[in-house]
PDB file of N, CA and C in Angstrom:
ATOM      1  N   UNK A   1      13.955 -54.112  51.200  1.00  0.00           N
ATOM      2  CA  UNK A   1      13.697 -54.908  50.049  1.00  0.00           C
ATOM      3  C   UNK A   1      13.193 -54.092  48.860  1.00  0.00           C
ATOM      4  N   UNK A   2      13.007 -52.766  49.008  1.00  0.00           N
ATOM      5  CA  UNK A   2      12.555 -51.939  47.889  1.00  0.00           C
ATOM      6  C   UNK A   2      13.801 -51.326  47.247  1.00  0.00           C
ATOM      7  N   UNK A   3      14.121 -51.651  45.987  1.00  0.00           N
ATOM      8  CA  UNK A   3      15.383 -51.192  45.402  1.00  0.00           C
ATOM      9  C   UNK A   3      15.525 -49.677  45.286  1.00  0.00           C
ATOM     10  N   UNK A   4      14.425 -48.944  45.116  1.00  0.00           N
ATOM     11  CA  UNK A   4      14.533 -47.497  44.981  1.00  0.00           C
ATOM     12  C   UNK A   4      13.785 -46.784  46.106  1.00  0.00           C
ATOM     13  N   UNK A   5      13.693 -47.409  47.254  1.00  0.00           N
ATOM     14  CA  UNK A   5      12.939 -46.867  48.373  1.00  0.00           C
ATOM     15  C   UNK A   5      13.735 -45.975  49.298  1.00  0.00           C
ATOM     16  N   UNK A   6      14.989 -45.744  48.999  1.00  0.00           N
ATOM     17  CA  UNK A   6      15.802 -44.868  49.846  1.00  0.00           C
ATOM     18  C   UNK A   6      16.835 -44.145  48.984  1.00  0.00           C
ATOM     19  N   UNK A   7      17.389 -43.115  49.540  1.00  0.00           N
ATOM     20  CA  UNK A   7      18.402 -42.347  48.824  1.00  0.00           C
ATOM     21  C   UNK A   7      19.583 -42.108  49.747  1.00  0.00           C
ATOM     22  N   UNK A   8      20.760 -42.401  49.261  1.00  0.00           N
ATOM     23  CA  UNK A   8      21.977 -42.165  50.035  1.00  0.00           C
ATOM     24  C   UNK A   8      22.678 -40.877  49.597  1.00  0.00           C
ATOM     25  N   UNK A   9      22.077 -40.131  48.684  1.00  0.00           N
ATOM     26  CA  UNK A   9      22.754 -38.946  48.138  1.00  0.00           C
ATOM     27  C   UNK A   9      22.574 -37.698  48.989  1.00  0.00           C
ATOM     28  N   UNK A  10      21.651 -37.678  49.927  1.00  0.00           N
ATOM     29  CA  UNK A  10      21.382 -36.446  50.664  1.00  0.00           C
ATOM     30  C   UNK A  10      22.579 -35.967  51.477  1.00  0.00           C
ATOM     31  N   UNK A  11      23.244 -36.836  52.177  1.00  0.00           N
ATOM     32  CA  UNK A  11      24.412 -36.420  52.966  1.00  0.00           C
ATOM     33  C   UNK A  11      25.499 -35.866  52.059  1.00  0.00           C
ATOM     34  N   UNK A  12      25.706 -36.481  50.913  1.00  0.00           N
ATOM     35  CA  UNK A  12      26.754 -36.023  50.002  1.00  0.00           C
ATOM     36  C   UNK A  12      26.364 -34.709  49.341  1.00  0.00           C
ATOM     37  N   UNK A  13      25.088 -34.507  49.075  1.00  0.00           N
ATOM     38  CA  UNK A  13      24.638 -33.280  48.434  1.00  0.00           C
ATOM     39  C   UNK A  13      24.651 -32.081  49.359  1.00  0.00           C
ATOM     40  N   UNK A  14      24.424 -32.290  50.650  1.00  0.00           N
ATOM     41  CA  UNK A  14      24.369 -31.177  51.598  1.00  0.00           C
ATOM     42  C   UNK A  14      25.754 -30.720  52.036  1.00  0.00           C
ATOM     43  N   UNK A  15      26.723 -31.597  52.034  1.00  0.00           N
ATOM     44  CA  UNK A  15      28.073 -31.260  52.510  1.00  0.00           C
ATOM     45  C   UNK A  15      28.696 -30.069  51.816  1.00  0.00           C
ATOM     46  N   UNK A  16      28.712 -30.026  50.482  1.00  0.00           N
ATOM     47  CA  UNK A  16      29.331 -28.888  49.796  1.00  0.00           C
ATOM     48  C   UNK A  16      28.677 -27.549  50.119  1.00  0.00           C
ATOM     49  N   UNK A  17      27.377 -27.535  50.332  1.00  0.00           N
ATOM     50  CA  UNK A  17      26.691 -26.286  50.655  1.00  0.00           C
ATOM     51  C   UNK A  17      27.215 -25.737  51.980  1.00  0.00           C
ATOM     52  N   UNK A  18      27.327 -26.587  52.984  1.00  0.00           N
ATOM     53  CA  UNK A  18      27.857 -26.169  54.287  1.00  0.00           C
ATOM     54  C   UNK A  18      29.303 -25.701  54.149  1.00  0.00           C
ATOM     55  N   UNK A  19      30.115 -26.440  53.427  1.00  0.00           N
ATOM     56  CA  UNK A  19      31.527 -26.092  53.279  1.00  0.00           C
ATOM     57  C   UNK A  19      31.709 -24.778  52.530  1.00  0.00           C
ATOM     58  N   UNK A  20      30.885 -24.525  51.516  1.00  0.00           N
ATOM     59  CA  UNK A  20      30.965 -23.268  50.775  1.00  0.00           C
ATOM     60  C   UNK A  20      30.699 -22.085  51.696  1.00  0.00           C
ATOM     61  N   UNK A  21      29.653 -22.173  52.507  1.00  0.00           N
ATOM     62  CA  UNK A  21      29.319 -21.084  53.431  1.00  0.00           C
ATOM     63  C   UNK A  21      30.382 -20.852  54.481  1.00  0.00           C
ATOM     64  N   UNK A  22      30.958 -21.930  54.982  1.00  0.00           N
ATOM     65  CA  UNK A  22      31.933 -21.799  56.065  1.00  0.00           C
ATOM     66  C   UNK A  22      33.319 -21.394  55.565  1.00  0.00           C
ATOM     67  N   UNK A  23      33.784 -21.996  54.469  1.00  0.00           N
ATOM     68  CA  UNK A  23      35.171 -21.785  54.072  1.00  0.00           C
ATOM     69  C   UNK A  23      35.367 -20.793  52.930  1.00  0.00           C
ATOM     70  N   UNK A  24      34.437 -20.656  52.001  1.00  0.00           N
ATOM     71  CA  UNK A  24      34.586 -19.657  50.941  1.00  0.00           C
ATOM     72  C   UNK A  24      33.935 -18.341  51.359  1.00  0.00           C
ATOM     73  N   UNK A  25      32.647 -18.372  51.701  1.00  0.00           N
ATOM     74  CA  UNK A  25      32.002 -17.155  52.188  1.00  0.00           C
ATOM     75  C   UNK A  25      32.576 -16.769  53.539  1.00  0.00           C
ATOM     76  N   UNK A  26      33.003 -17.735  54.314  1.00  0.00           N
ATOM     77  CA  UNK A  26      33.696 -17.490  55.576  1.00  0.00           C
ATOM     78  C   UNK A  26      32.815 -17.050  56.724  1.00  0.00           C
ATOM     79  N   UNK A  27      31.527 -17.373  56.698  1.00  0.00           N
ATOM     80  CA  UNK A  27      30.610 -16.965  57.764  1.00  0.00           C
ATOM     81  C   UNK A  27      30.608 -18.035  58.851  1.00  0.00           C
ATOM     82  N   UNK A  28      31.073 -17.656  60.051  1.00  0.00           N
ATOM     83  CA  UNK A  28      31.166 -18.599  61.164  1.00  0.00           C
ATOM     84  C   UNK A  28      30.579 -17.970  62.425  1.00  0.00           C
ATOM     85  N   UNK A  29      29.736 -18.723  63.148  1.00  0.00           N
ATOM     86  CA  UNK A  29      29.164 -18.172  64.384  1.00  0.00           C
ATOM     87  C   UNK A  29      30.226 -18.046  65.473  1.00  0.00           C
ATOM     88  N   UNK A  30      30.107 -17.001  66.279  1.00  0.00           N
ATOM     89  CA  UNK A  30      30.968 -16.845  67.453  1.00  0.00           C
ATOM     90  C   UNK A  30      30.172 -16.989  68.739  1.00  0.00           C
ATOM     91  N   UNK A  31      28.837 -17.022  68.614  1.00  0.00           N
ATOM     92  CA  UNK A  31      27.969 -17.265  69.761  1.00  0.00           C
ATOM     93  C   UNK A  31      26.724 -17.997  69.252  1.00  0.00           C
ATOM     94  N   UNK A  32      25.967 -18.625  70.149  1.00  0.00           N
ATOM     95  CA  UNK A  32      24.801 -19.397  69.718  1.00  0.00           C
ATOM     96  C   UNK A  32      23.819 -18.570  68.896  1.00  0.00           C
ATOM     97  N   UNK A  33      23.240 -19.206  67.870  1.00  0.00           N
ATOM     98  CA  UNK A  33      22.238 -18.560  67.038  1.00  0.00           C
ATOM     99  C   UNK A  33      22.772 -17.428  66.186  1.00  0.00           C
ATOM    100  N   UNK A  34      24.070 -17.393  65.966  1.00  0.00           N
ATOM    101  CA  UNK A  34      24.700 -16.326  65.185  1.00  0.00           C
ATOM    102  C   UNK A  34      24.381 -14.947  65.764  1.00  0.00           C
ATOM    103  N   UNK A  35      24.202 -14.855  67.091  1.00  0.00           N
ATOM    104  CA  UNK A  35      24.029 -13.525  67.699  1.00  0.00           C
ATOM    105  C   UNK A  35      25.246 -12.670  67.381  1.00  0.00           C
ATOM    106  N   UNK A  36      26.412 -13.295  67.400  1.00  0.00           N
ATOM    107  CA  UNK A  36      27.638 -12.666  66.907  1.00  0.00           C
ATOM    108  C   UNK A  36      28.281 -13.669  65.943  1.00  0.00           C
ATOM    109  N   UNK A  37      28.918 -13.142  64.917  1.00  0.00           N
ATOM    110  CA  UNK A  37      29.541 -14.001  63.913  1.00  0.00           C
ATOM    111  C   UNK A  37      30.728 -13.278  63.303  1.00  0.00           C
ATOM    112  N   UNK A  38      31.554 -14.035  62.603  1.00  0.00           N
ATOM    113  CA  UNK A  38      32.737 -13.513  61.935  1.00  0.00           C
ATOM    114  C   UNK A  38      32.663 -13.931  60.471  1.00  0.00           C
ATOM    115  N   UNK A  39      33.035 -13.002  59.589  1.00  0.00           N
ATOM    116  CA  UNK A  39      33.074 -13.272  58.154  1.00  0.00           C
ATOM    117  C   UNK A  39      34.518 -13.101  57.687  1.00  0.00           C
ATOM    118  N   UNK A  40      35.098 -14.160  57.144  1.00  0.00           N
ATOM    119  CA  UNK A  40      36.437 -14.105  56.563  1.00  0.00           C
ATOM    120  C   UNK A  40      36.371 -14.738  55.179  1.00  0.00           C
ATOM    121  N   UNK A  41      35.892 -13.975  54.176  1.00  0.00           N
ATOM    122  CA  UNK A  41      35.737 -14.558  52.838  1.00  0.00           C
ATOM    123  C   UNK A  41      37.077 -14.901  52.203  1.00  0.00           C
ATOM    124  N   UNK A  42      37.050 -15.944  51.375  1.00  0.00           N
ATOM    125  CA  UNK A  42      38.263 -16.400  50.720  1.00  0.00           C
ATOM    126  C   UNK A  42      37.898 -16.841  49.302  1.00  0.00           C
ATOM    127  N   UNK A  43      38.307 -16.089  48.308  1.00  0.00           N
ATOM    128  CA  UNK A  43      37.997 -16.428  46.919  1.00  0.00           C
ATOM    129  C   UNK A  43      38.674 -17.719  46.467  1.00  0.00           C
ATOM    130  N   UNK A  44      39.765 -18.087  47.115  1.00  0.00           N
ATOM    131  CA  UNK A  44      40.514 -19.233  46.613  1.00  0.00           C
ATOM    132  C   UNK A  44      40.968 -18.909  45.203  1.00  0.00           C
ATOM    133  N   UNK A  45      40.648 -19.727  44.256  1.00  0.00           N
ATOM    134  CA  UNK A  45      40.995 -19.467  42.865  1.00  0.00           C
ATOM    135  C   UNK A  45      39.852 -18.884  42.054  1.00  0.00           C
ATOM    136  N   UNK A  46      38.752 -18.536  42.716  1.00  0.00           N
ATOM    137  CA  UNK A  46      37.587 -18.008  42.014  1.00  0.00           C
ATOM    138  C   UNK A  46      37.772 -16.535  41.653  1.00  0.00           C
ATOM    139  N   UNK A  47      37.036 -16.080  40.645  1.00  0.00           N
ATOM    140  CA  UNK A  47      37.020 -14.669  40.269  1.00  0.00           C
ATOM    141  C   UNK A  47      35.918 -13.918  41.008  1.00  0.00           C
ATOM    142  N   UNK A  48      34.839 -14.622  41.335  1.00  0.00           N
ATOM    143  CA  UNK A  48      33.671 -14.001  41.946  1.00  0.00           C
ATOM    144  C   UNK A  48      32.891 -15.067  42.708  1.00  0.00           C
ATOM    145  N   UNK A  49      32.253 -14.677  43.786  1.00  0.00           N
ATOM    146  CA  UNK A  49      31.355 -15.596  44.492  1.00  0.00           C
ATOM    147  C   UNK A  49      30.263 -14.790  45.176  1.00  0.00           C
ATOM    148  N   UNK A  50      29.137 -15.442  45.374  1.00  0.00           N
ATOM    149  CA  UNK A  50      28.017 -14.818  46.069  1.00  0.00           C
ATOM    150  C   UNK A  50      27.213 -15.927  46.717  1.00  0.00           C
ATOM    151  N   UNK A  51      26.818 -15.706  47.963  1.00  0.00           N
ATOM    152  CA  UNK A  51      26.012 -16.706  48.639  1.00  0.00           C
ATOM    153  C   UNK A  51      25.377 -16.144  49.887  1.00  0.00           C
ATOM    154  N   UNK A  52      24.380 -16.876  50.384  1.00  0.00           N
ATOM    155  CA  UNK A  52      23.672 -16.490  51.592  1.00  0.00           C
ATOM    156  C   UNK A  52      23.733 -17.646  52.581  1.00  0.00           C
ATOM    157  N   UNK A  53      24.077 -17.324  53.829  1.00  0.00           N
ATOM    158  CA  UNK A  53      24.141 -18.320  54.892  1.00  0.00           C
ATOM    159  C   UNK A  53      22.948 -18.105  55.815  1.00  0.00           C
ATOM    160  N   UNK A  54      22.042 -19.093  55.916  1.00  0.00           N
ATOM    161  CA  UNK A  54      20.924 -18.959  56.851  1.00  0.00           C
ATOM    162  C   UNK A  54      21.427 -19.103  58.285  1.00  0.00           C
ATOM    163  N   UNK A  55      20.934 -18.261  59.176  1.00  0.00           N
ATOM    164  CA  UNK A  55      21.429 -18.267  60.559  1.00  0.00           C
ATOM    165  C   UNK A  55      20.384 -18.709  61.570  1.00  0.00           C
ATOM    166  N   UNK A  56      19.241 -19.145  61.129  1.00  0.00           N
ATOM    167  CA  UNK A  56      18.174 -19.539  62.045  1.00  0.00           C
ATOM    168  C   UNK A  56      17.222 -18.392  62.318  1.00  0.00           C
ATOM    169  N   UNK A  57      17.742 -17.231  62.639  1.00  0.00           N
ATOM    170  CA  UNK A  57      16.923 -16.043  62.895  1.00  0.00           C
ATOM    171  C   UNK A  57      17.032 -15.022  61.768  1.00  0.00           C
ATOM    172  N   UNK A  58      17.781 -15.321  60.746  1.00  0.00           N
ATOM    173  CA  UNK A  58      17.983 -14.387  59.642  1.00  0.00           C
ATOM    174  C   UNK A  58      18.949 -14.979  58.640  1.00  0.00           C
ATOM    175  N   UNK A  59      19.688 -14.099  57.990  1.00  0.00           N
ATOM    176  CA  UNK A  59      20.648 -14.559  56.991  1.00  0.00           C
ATOM    177  C   UNK A  59      21.780 -13.554  56.840  1.00  0.00           C
ATOM    178  N   UNK A  60      22.913 -14.045  56.351  1.00  0.00           N
ATOM    179  CA  UNK A  60      24.072 -13.221  56.039  1.00  0.00           C
ATOM    180  C   UNK A  60      24.404 -13.467  54.568  1.00  0.00           C
ATOM    181  N   UNK A  61      24.435 -12.400  53.775  1.00  0.00           N
ATOM    182  CA  UNK A  61      24.747 -12.508  52.358  1.00  0.00           C
ATOM    183  C   UNK A  61      26.110 -11.880  52.104  1.00  0.00           C
ATOM    184  N   UNK A  62      26.959 -12.614  51.392  1.00  0.00           N
ATOM    185  CA  UNK A  62      28.313 -12.153  51.068  1.00  0.00           C
ATOM    186  C   UNK A  62      28.510 -12.287  49.563  1.00  0.00           C
ATOM    187  N   UNK A  63      29.009 -11.231  48.954  1.00  0.00           N
ATOM    188  CA  UNK A  63      29.386 -11.256  47.538  1.00  0.00           C
ATOM    189  C   UNK A  63      30.781 -10.651  47.448  1.00  0.00           C
ATOM    190  N   UNK A  64      31.648 -11.301  46.685  1.00  0.00           N
ATOM    191  CA  UNK A  64      33.036 -10.855  46.644  1.00  0.00           C
ATOM    192  C   UNK A  64      33.622 -11.096  45.258  1.00  0.00           C
ATOM    193  N   UNK A  65      34.447 -10.154  44.814  1.00  0.00           N
ATOM    194  CA  UNK A  65      35.298 -10.381  43.657  1.00  0.00           C
ATOM    195  C   UNK A  65      36.693  -9.904  44.047  1.00  0.00           C
ATOM    196  N   UNK A  66      37.549  -9.699  43.103  1.00  0.00           N
ATOM    197  CA  UNK A  66      38.943  -9.356  43.428  1.00  0.00           C
ATOM    198  C   UNK A  66      39.152  -7.901  43.840  1.00  0.00           C
ATOM    199  N   UNK A  67      38.089  -7.101  43.835  1.00  0.00           N
ATOM    200  CA  UNK A  67      38.194  -5.686  44.225  1.00  0.00           C
ATOM    201  C   UNK A  67      37.155  -5.248  45.248  1.00  0.00           C
ATOM    202  N   UNK A  68      36.036  -5.964  45.350  1.00  0.00           N
ATOM    203  CA  UNK A  68      34.969  -5.517  46.240  1.00  0.00           C
ATOM    204  C   UNK A  68      34.419  -6.668  47.088  1.00  0.00           C
ATOM    205  N   UNK A  69      33.879  -6.284  48.237  1.00  0.00           N
ATOM    206  CA  UNK A  69      33.161  -7.206  49.109  1.00  0.00           C
ATOM    207  C   UNK A  69      31.853  -6.518  49.475  1.00  0.00           C
ATOM    208  N   UNK A  70      30.732  -7.209  49.280  1.00  0.00           N
ATOM    209  CA  UNK A  70      29.416  -6.714  49.684  1.00  0.00           C
ATOM    210  C   UNK A  70      28.892  -7.641  50.771  1.00  0.00           C
ATOM    211  N   UNK A  71      28.366  -7.049  51.840  1.00  0.00           N
ATOM    212  CA  UNK A  71      27.828  -7.832  52.951  1.00  0.00           C
ATOM    213  C   UNK A  71      26.502  -7.227  53.388  1.00  0.00           C
ATOM    214  N   UNK A  72      25.528  -8.085  53.612  1.00  0.00           N
ATOM    215  CA  UNK A  72      24.245  -7.697  54.200  1.00  0.00           C
ATOM    216  C   UNK A  72      23.871  -8.753  55.226  1.00  0.00           C
ATOM    217  N   UNK A  73      23.249  -8.309  56.309  1.00  0.00           N
ATOM    218  CA  UNK A  73      22.826  -9.224  57.356  1.00  0.00           C
ATOM    219  C   UNK A  73      21.462  -8.787  57.866  1.00  0.00           C
ATOM    220  N   UNK A  74      20.644  -9.764  58.251  1.00  0.00           N
ATOM    221  CA  UNK A  74      19.333  -9.429  58.795  1.00  0.00           C
ATOM    222  C   UNK A  74      19.247  -9.680  60.294  1.00  0.00           C
ATOM    223  N   UNK A  75      20.290 -10.264  60.887  1.00  0.00           N
ATOM    224  CA  UNK A  75      20.238 -10.629  62.302  1.00  0.00           C
ATOM    225  C   UNK A  75      21.654 -10.721  62.866  1.00  0.00           C
ATOM    226  N   UNK A  76      21.811 -10.332  64.120  1.00  0.00           N
ATOM    227  CA  UNK A  76      23.095 -10.486  64.812  1.00  0.00           C
ATOM    228  C   UNK A  76      24.099  -9.402  64.458  1.00  0.00           C
ATOM    229  N   UNK A  77      25.183  -9.396  65.202  1.00  0.00           N
ATOM    230  CA  UNK A  77      26.275  -8.454  64.985  1.00  0.00           C
ATOM    231  C   UNK A  77      27.484  -9.234  64.482  1.00  0.00           C
ATOM    232  N   UNK A  78      28.096  -8.733  63.406  1.00  0.00           N
ATOM    233  CA  UNK A  78      29.222  -9.449  62.825  1.00  0.00           C
ATOM    234  C   UNK A  78      30.455  -8.597  62.683  1.00  0.00           C
ATOM    235  N   UNK A  79      31.538  -9.269  62.324  1.00  0.00           N
ATOM    236  CA  UNK A  79      32.805  -8.617  62.009  1.00  0.00           C
ATOM    237  C   UNK A  79      33.298  -9.211  60.702  1.00  0.00           C
ATOM    238  N   UNK A  80      33.571  -8.344  59.728  1.00  0.00           N
ATOM    239  CA  UNK A  80      34.157  -8.742  58.455  1.00  0.00           C
ATOM    240  C   UNK A  80      35.660  -8.555  58.561  1.00  0.00           C
ATOM    241  N   UNK A  81      36.427  -9.597  58.297  1.00  0.00           N
ATOM    242  CA  UNK A  81      37.891  -9.533  58.338  1.00  0.00           C
ATOM    243  C   UNK A  81      38.429  -9.817  56.939  1.00  0.00           C
ATOM    244  N   UNK A  82      39.382  -8.998  56.484  1.00  0.00           N
ATOM    245  CA  UNK A  82      39.929  -9.170  55.143  1.00  0.00           C
ATOM    246  C   UNK A  82      41.304  -8.516  55.067  1.00  0.00           C
ATOM    247  N   UNK A  83      42.000  -8.758  53.950  1.00  0.00           N
ATOM    248  CA  UNK A  83      43.328  -8.195  53.716  1.00  0.00           C
ATOM    249  C   UNK A  83      43.276  -7.207  52.563  1.00  0.00           C
ATOM    250  N   UNK A  84      44.126  -6.182  52.639  1.00  0.00           N
ATOM    251  CA  UNK A  84      44.235  -5.193  51.573  1.00  0.00           C
ATOM    252  C   UNK A  84      45.606  -4.544  51.666  1.00  0.00           C
ATOM    253  N   UNK A  85      46.216  -4.260  50.508  1.00  0.00           N
ATOM    254  CA  UNK A  85      47.545  -3.641  50.530  1.00  0.00           C
ATOM    255  C   UNK A  85      47.489  -2.170  50.916  1.00  0.00           C
ATOM    256  N   UNK A  86      46.371  -1.491  50.627  1.00  0.00           N
ATOM    257  CA  UNK A  86      46.160  -0.094  51.007  1.00  0.00           C
ATOM    258  C   UNK A  86      44.896  -0.008  51.838  1.00  0.00           C
ATOM    259  N   UNK A  87      44.698   1.132  52.475  1.00  0.00           N
ATOM    260  CA  UNK A  87      43.489   1.310  53.280  1.00  0.00           C
ATOM    261  C   UNK A  87      42.252   1.169  52.384  1.00  0.00           C
ATOM    262  N   UNK A  88      41.318   0.287  52.750  1.00  0.00           N
ATOM    263  CA  UNK A  88      40.131   0.071  51.919  1.00  0.00           C
ATOM    264  C   UNK A  88      39.134   1.213  52.030  1.00  0.00           C
ATOM    265  N   UNK A  89      38.297   1.344  51.004  1.00  0.00           N
ATOM    266  CA  UNK A  89      37.199   2.302  51.018  1.00  0.00           C
ATOM    267  C   UNK A  89      35.955   1.546  51.465  1.00  0.00           C
ATOM    268  N   UNK A  90      35.392   1.954  52.597  1.00  0.00           N
ATOM    269  CA  UNK A  90      34.250   1.248  53.180  1.00  0.00           C
ATOM    270  C   UNK A  90      33.002   2.104  53.242  1.00  0.00           C
ATOM    271  N   UNK A  91      32.933   3.182  52.481  1.00  0.00           N
ATOM    272  CA  UNK A  91      31.767   4.057  52.516  1.00  0.00           C
ATOM    273  C   UNK A  91      31.609   4.663  53.896  1.00  0.00           C
ATOM    274  N   UNK A  92      30.449   4.464  54.521  1.00  0.00           N
ATOM    275  CA  UNK A  92      30.185   5.046  55.840  1.00  0.00           C
ATOM    276  C   UNK A  92      30.718   4.186  56.983  1.00  0.00           C
ATOM    277  N   UNK A  93      31.137   2.962  56.691  1.00  0.00           N
ATOM    278  CA  UNK A  93      31.691   2.092  57.735  1.00  0.00           C
ATOM    279  C   UNK A  93      33.149   2.446  57.982  1.00  0.00           C
ATOM    280  N   UNK A  94      33.647   2.030  59.127  1.00  0.00           N
ATOM    281  CA  UNK A  94      35.043   2.269  59.478  1.00  0.00           C
ATOM    282  C   UNK A  94      35.823   0.973  59.414  1.00  0.00           C
ATOM    283  N   UNK A  95      36.944   0.980  58.696  1.00  0.00           N
ATOM    284  CA  UNK A  95      37.830  -0.176  58.630  1.00  0.00           C
ATOM    285  C   UNK A  95      38.909  -0.013  59.693  1.00  0.00           C
ATOM    286  N   UNK A  96      38.932  -0.922  60.650  1.00  0.00           N
ATOM    287  CA  UNK A  96      39.959  -0.902  61.700  1.00  0.00           C
ATOM    288  C   UNK A  96      41.203  -1.616  61.201  1.00  0.00           C
ATOM    289  N   UNK A  97      42.336  -0.923  61.138  1.00  0.00           N
ATOM    290  CA  UNK A  97      43.570  -1.610  60.740  1.00  0.00           C
ATOM    291  C   UNK A  97      44.073  -2.495  61.878  1.00  0.00           C
ATOM    292  N   UNK A  98      44.465  -3.712  61.539  1.00  0.00           N
ATOM    293  CA  UNK A  98      45.004  -4.652  62.523  1.00  0.00           C
ATOM    294  C   UNK A  98      46.494  -4.839  62.364  1.00  0.00           C
ATOM    295  N   UNK A  99      47.072  -4.247  61.326  1.00  0.00           N
ATOM    296  CA  UNK A  99      48.491  -4.416  61.047  1.00  0.00           C
ATOM    297  C   UNK A  99      48.705  -5.479  59.976  1.00  0.00           C
ATOM    298  N   UNK A 100      49.822  -5.395  59.296  1.00  0.00           N
ATOM    299  CA  UNK A 100      50.216  -6.342  58.258  1.00  0.00           C
ATOM    300  C   UNK A 100      49.155  -6.483  57.164  1.00  0.00           C
ATOM    301  N   UNK A 101      48.494  -5.372  56.806  1.00  0.00           N
ATOM    302  CA  UNK A 101      47.529  -5.376  55.727  1.00  0.00           C
ATOM    303  C   UNK A 101      46.197  -6.029  56.054  1.00  0.00           C
ATOM    304  N   UNK A 102      45.889  -6.205  57.315  1.00  0.00           N
ATOM    305  CA  UNK A 102      44.630  -6.816  57.754  1.00  0.00           C
ATOM    306  C   UNK A 102      43.700  -5.738  58.293  1.00  0.00           C
ATOM    307  N   UNK A 103      42.389  -5.884  58.004  1.00  0.00           N
ATOM    308  CA  UNK A 103      41.383  -4.916  58.428  1.00  0.00           C
ATOM    309  C   UNK A 103      40.136  -5.641  58.924  1.00  0.00           C
ATOM    310  N   UNK A 104      39.359  -4.931  59.752  1.00  0.00           N
ATOM    311  CA  UNK A 104      38.064  -5.423  60.218  1.00  0.00           C
ATOM    312  C   UNK A 104      37.026  -4.323  60.096  1.00  0.00           C
ATOM    313  N   UNK A 105      35.796  -4.730  59.777  1.00  0.00           N
ATOM    314  CA  UNK A 105      34.658  -3.826  59.691  1.00  0.00           C
ATOM    315  C   UNK A 105      33.514  -4.453  60.480  1.00  0.00           C
ATOM    316  N   UNK A 106      32.888  -3.676  61.370  1.00  0.00           N
ATOM    317  CA  UNK A 106      31.729  -4.164  62.110  1.00  0.00           C
ATOM    318  C   UNK A 106      30.522  -4.209  61.181  1.00  0.00           C
ATOM    319  N   UNK A 107      29.749  -5.292  61.274  1.00  0.00           N
ATOM    320  CA  UNK A 107      28.565  -5.488  60.442  1.00  0.00           C
ATOM    321  C   UNK A 107      27.331  -5.482  61.343  1.00  0.00           C
ATOM    322  N   UNK A 108      26.420  -4.559  61.072  1.00  0.00           N
ATOM    323  CA  UNK A 108      25.179  -4.447  61.833  1.00  0.00           C
ATOM    324  C   UNK A 108      24.020  -4.970  60.992  1.00  0.00           C
ATOM    325  N   UNK A 109      23.000  -5.534  61.642  1.00  0.00           N
ATOM    326  CA  UNK A 109      21.857  -6.044  60.878  1.00  0.00           C
ATOM    327  C   UNK A 109      21.077  -4.911  60.211  1.00  0.00           C
ATOM    328  N   UNK A 110      20.525  -5.210  59.046  1.00  0.00           N
ATOM    329  CA  UNK A 110      19.701  -4.236  58.342  1.00  0.00           C
ATOM    330  C   UNK A 110      20.472  -3.220  57.525  1.00  0.00           C
ATOM    331  N   UNK A 111      21.784  -3.322  57.517  1.00  0.00           N
ATOM    332  CA  UNK A 111      22.603  -2.391  56.736  1.00  0.00           C
ATOM    333  C   UNK A 111      23.312  -3.143  55.623  1.00  0.00           C
ATOM    334  N   UNK A 112      23.624  -2.430  54.556  1.00  0.00           N
ATOM    335  CA  UNK A 112      24.357  -2.985  53.430  1.00  0.00           C
ATOM    336  C   UNK A 112      25.747  -2.355  53.395  1.00  0.00           C
ATOM    337  N   UNK A 113      26.761  -3.163  53.193  1.00  0.00           N
ATOM    338  CA  UNK A 113      28.146  -2.689  53.194  1.00  0.00           C
ATOM    339  C   UNK A 113      28.788  -3.005  51.852  1.00  0.00           C
ATOM    340  N   UNK A 114      29.523  -2.036  51.316  1.00  0.00           N
ATOM    341  CA  UNK A 114      30.317  -2.230  50.117  1.00  0.00           C
ATOM    342  C   UNK A 114      31.733  -1.787  50.444  1.00  0.00           C
ATOM    343  N   UNK A 115      32.652  -2.723  50.385  1.00  0.00           N
ATOM    344  CA  UNK A 115      34.056  -2.451  50.689  1.00  0.00           C
ATOM    345  C   UNK A 115      34.854  -2.629  49.406  1.00  0.00           C
ATOM    346  N   UNK A 116      35.633  -1.619  49.061  1.00  0.00           N
ATOM    347  CA  UNK A 116      36.555  -1.714  47.936  1.00  0.00           C
ATOM    348  C   UNK A 116      37.946  -1.858  48.527  1.00  0.00           C
ATOM    349  N   UNK A 117      38.560  -2.980  48.272  1.00  0.00           N
ATOM    350  CA  UNK A 117      39.897  -3.215  48.818  1.00  0.00           C
ATOM    351  C   UNK A 117      40.917  -3.210  47.697  1.00  0.00           C
ATOM    352  N   UNK A 118      42.191  -3.097  48.060  1.00  0.00           N
ATOM    353  CA  UNK A 118      43.234  -2.801  47.078  1.00  0.00           C
ATOM    354  C   UNK A 118      44.307  -3.870  47.047  1.00  0.00           C
ATOM    355  N   UNK A 119      43.939  -5.033  46.562  1.00  0.00           N
ATOM    356  CA  UNK A 119      44.942  -6.082  46.401  1.00  0.00           C
ATOM    357  C   UNK A 119      44.391  -7.141  45.477  1.00  0.00           C
ATOM    358  N   UNK A 120      45.130  -7.486  44.454  1.00  0.00           N
ATOM    359  CA  UNK A 120      44.693  -8.529  43.513  1.00  0.00           C
ATOM    360  C   UNK A 120      44.501  -9.851  44.227  1.00  0.00           C
ATOM    361  N   UNK A 121      45.399 -10.172  45.113  1.00  0.00           N
ATOM    362  CA  UNK A 121      45.331 -11.465  45.799  1.00  0.00           C
ATOM    363  C   UNK A 121      44.967 -11.289  47.266  1.00  0.00           C
ATOM    364  N   UNK A 122      44.211 -10.275  47.601  1.00  0.00           N
ATOM    365  CA  UNK A 122      43.841 -10.021  49.001  1.00  0.00           C
ATOM    366  C   UNK A 122      42.884 -11.098  49.469  1.00  0.00           C
ATOM    367  N   UNK A 123      43.408 -12.070  50.151  1.00  0.00           N
ATOM    368  CA  UNK A 123      42.620 -13.162  50.697  1.00  0.00           C
ATOM    369  C   UNK A 123      42.873 -13.209  52.191  1.00  0.00           C
ATOM    370  N   UNK A 124      41.966 -13.834  52.917  1.00  0.00           N
ATOM    371  CA  UNK A 124      42.135 -13.944  54.363  1.00  0.00           C
ATOM    372  C   UNK A 124      42.953 -15.151  54.703  1.00  0.00           C
TER     373      UNK A 124
END
C-alpha cells in the first residue's frame, strides 16, 4: 500500500553490468570461484572498452582497443583467447598459435599483460 516503498529497477539495472562482463569483456569462469577462467574479449562495434569483473576472491581487468589488449588479474589462472592476422607481440608472455589466426596467452595472477595484435577487425 506504500506507492514508493519498493523499486523494480534493480533487476533491470544489474543485467547490463553482468552482460558487459560476460560478452564484451569476455571473462567467463571455467571452474568454481574463477580458479580458472577464460577471457575472449569482443569489441563489437566499439572503439575501446575497459572493465573489471569481480571474481569473489579477486578481480580480472580487461582493456581493449583495435590494436591492444591489456589484462590484469589478482586471483586464479586464466587464458586470453583472441584473433590476429599476424603473430601478436605479447612482451614477456608467449602467444600460442591455434591456427586460422587464433592465439592464446596464459594469464597468471599478479601480472600485467599488454598484447599488441595485428588486425583492424580482430574479434573473437
